[in-house]
């Protein structure tokens, strides 16, 4: 299937196998850019996530408790 560009040139779309091959090549190129964190970085990022989750749990629990008491006061 061919289509025309803005300049009037015809561009031929590659077949399905070429597109799959290009896709896999792009995946491999992106995976080469991935940097593995050091043990220290991994520990500190995990600690930050655990602290954030704990704070969020405390916040949601307080909101649930507070809104439950408020609704009990309003509706009896």
C-alpha atoms as a PDB file:
ATOM      1  CA  UNK A   1       0.000   0.000   0.000  1.00  0.00           C
ATOM      2  CA  UNK A   2       1.577   3.280  -1.066  1.00  0.00           C
ATOM      3  CA  UNK A   3       0.733   6.811  -0.067  1.00  0.00           C
ATOM      4  CA  UNK A   4       1.946  10.219  -1.129  1.00  0.00           C
ATOM      5  CA  UNK A   5       3.830  12.675   1.066  1.00  0.00           C
ATOM      6  CA  UNK A   6       3.441  16.455   1.054  1.00  0.00           C
ATOM      7  CA  UNK A   7       6.132  16.697  -1.627  1.00  0.00           C
ATOM      8  CA  UNK A   8       4.419  14.225  -3.934  1.00  0.00           C
ATOM      9  CA  UNK A   9       6.857  11.350  -3.303  1.00  0.00           C
ATOM     10  CA  UNK A  10       5.435   7.890  -2.883  1.00  0.00           C
ATOM     11  CA  UNK A  11       6.146   6.096   0.392  1.00  0.00           C
ATOM     12  CA  UNK A  12       5.780   2.327   0.504  1.00  0.00           C
ATOM     13  CA  UNK A  13       4.628   0.893   3.824  1.00  0.00           C
ATOM     14  CA  UNK A  14       6.872  -1.989   4.995  1.00  0.00           C
ATOM     15  CA  UNK A  15       5.306  -5.429   5.270  1.00  0.00           C
ATOM     16  CA  UNK A  16       4.190  -6.908   8.586  1.00  0.00           C
ATOM     17  CA  UNK A  17       7.420  -8.857   9.193  1.00  0.00           C
ATOM     18  CA  UNK A  18       9.589  -5.782   8.657  1.00  0.00           C
ATOM     19  CA  UNK A  19       7.410  -3.796  11.062  1.00  0.00           C
ATOM     20  CA  UNK A  20       7.664  -6.537  13.710  1.00  0.00           C
ATOM     21  CA  UNK A  21      11.438  -6.662  13.241  1.00  0.00           C
ATOM     22  CA  UNK A  22      11.671  -2.874  13.583  1.00  0.00           C
ATOM     23  CA  UNK A  23       9.516  -3.000  16.712  1.00  0.00           C
ATOM     24  CA  UNK A  24      11.755  -5.636  18.332  1.00  0.00           C
ATOM     25  CA  UNK A  25      14.881  -3.650  17.370  1.00  0.00           C
ATOM     26  CA  UNK A  26      13.427  -0.533  18.989  1.00  0.00           C
ATOM     27  CA  UNK A  27      12.601  -2.499  22.156  1.00  0.00           C
ATOM     28  CA  UNK A  28      16.180  -3.764  22.392  1.00  0.00           C
ATOM     29  CA  UNK A  29      17.548  -0.248  21.798  1.00  0.00           C
ATOM     30  CA  UNK A  30      15.372   1.129  24.621  1.00  0.00           C
ATOM     31  CA  UNK A  31      16.326  -1.701  27.001  1.00  0.00           C
ATOM     32  CA  UNK A  32      20.018  -0.859  26.479  1.00  0.00           C
ATOM     33  CA  UNK A  33      19.299   2.610  27.913  1.00  0.00           C
ATOM     34  CA  UNK A  34      17.922   1.187  31.178  1.00  0.00           C
ATOM     35  CA  UNK A  35      20.196   1.753  34.174  1.00  0.00           C
ATOM     36  CA  UNK A  36      19.980  -0.668  37.100  1.00  0.00           C
ATOM     37  CA  UNK A  37      19.935   1.132  40.464  1.00  0.00           C
ATOM     38  CA  UNK A  38      22.628   0.386  43.007  1.00  0.00           C
ATOM     39  CA  UNK A  39      21.762  -1.489  46.194  1.00  0.00           C
ATOM     40  CA  UNK A  40      21.842   1.774  48.189  1.00  0.00           C
ATOM     41  CA  UNK A  41      19.567   3.585  45.716  1.00  0.00           C
ATOM     42  CA  UNK A  42      17.146   0.665  45.687  1.00  0.00           C
ATOM     43  CA  UNK A  43      17.018   0.632  49.496  1.00  0.00           C
ATOM     44  CA  UNK A  44      16.349   4.372  49.790  1.00  0.00           C
ATOM     45  CA  UNK A  45      13.712   4.409  47.033  1.00  0.00           C
ATOM     46  CA  UNK A  46      11.967   1.413  48.628  1.00  0.00           C
ATOM     47  CA  UNK A  47      12.096   3.132  52.016  1.00  0.00           C
ATOM     48  CA  UNK A  48      10.588   6.277  50.498  1.00  0.00           C
ATOM     49  CA  UNK A  49       7.764   4.264  48.933  1.00  0.00           C
ATOM     50  CA  UNK A  50       7.012   2.446  52.204  1.00  0.00           C
ATOM     51  CA  UNK A  51       6.959   5.715  54.158  1.00  0.00           C
ATOM     52  CA  UNK A  52       4.670   7.344  51.585  1.00  0.00           C
ATOM     53  CA  UNK A  53       2.285   4.364  51.637  1.00  0.00           C
ATOM     54  CA  UNK A  54       2.223   4.347  55.445  1.00  0.00           C
ATOM     55  CA  UNK A  55       1.431   8.088  55.552  1.00  0.00           C
ATOM     56  CA  UNK A  56      -1.274   7.647  52.943  1.00  0.00           C
ATOM     57  CA  UNK A  57      -2.790   4.786  54.961  1.00  0.00           C
ATOM     58  CA  UNK A  58      -2.840   6.978  58.089  1.00  0.00           C
ATOM     59  CA  UNK A  59      -4.478   9.809  56.138  1.00  0.00           C
ATOM     60  CA  UNK A  60      -7.168   7.571  54.615  1.00  0.00           C
ATOM     61  CA  UNK A  61      -7.847   5.914  57.973  1.00  0.00           C
ATOM     62  CA  UNK A  62      -8.217   9.313  59.677  1.00  0.00           C
ATOM     63  CA  UNK A  63     -10.545  10.536  56.916  1.00  0.00           C
ATOM     64  CA  UNK A  64     -12.632   7.355  57.154  1.00  0.00           C
ATOM     65  CA  UNK A  65     -12.875   7.580  60.926  1.00  0.00           C
ATOM     66  CA  UNK A  66     -13.599  11.322  60.896  1.00  0.00           C
ATOM     67  CA  UNK A  67     -16.225  11.186  58.156  1.00  0.00           C
ATOM     68  CA  UNK A  68     -17.839   8.157  59.814  1.00  0.00           C
ATOM     69  CA  UNK A  69     -18.168  10.060  63.100  1.00  0.00           C
ATOM     70  CA  UNK A  70     -19.452  13.149  61.238  1.00  0.00           C
ATOM     71  CA  UNK A  71     -22.099  11.158  59.384  1.00  0.00           C
ATOM     72  CA  UNK A  72     -23.127   9.487  62.652  1.00  0.00           C
ATOM     73  CA  UNK A  73     -23.539  12.921  64.260  1.00  0.00           C
ATOM     74  CA  UNK A  74     -25.573  14.254  61.299  1.00  0.00           C
ATOM     75  CA  UNK A  75     -27.825  11.247  60.666  1.00  0.00           C
ATOM     76  CA  UNK A  76     -27.867   9.757  64.179  1.00  0.00           C
END
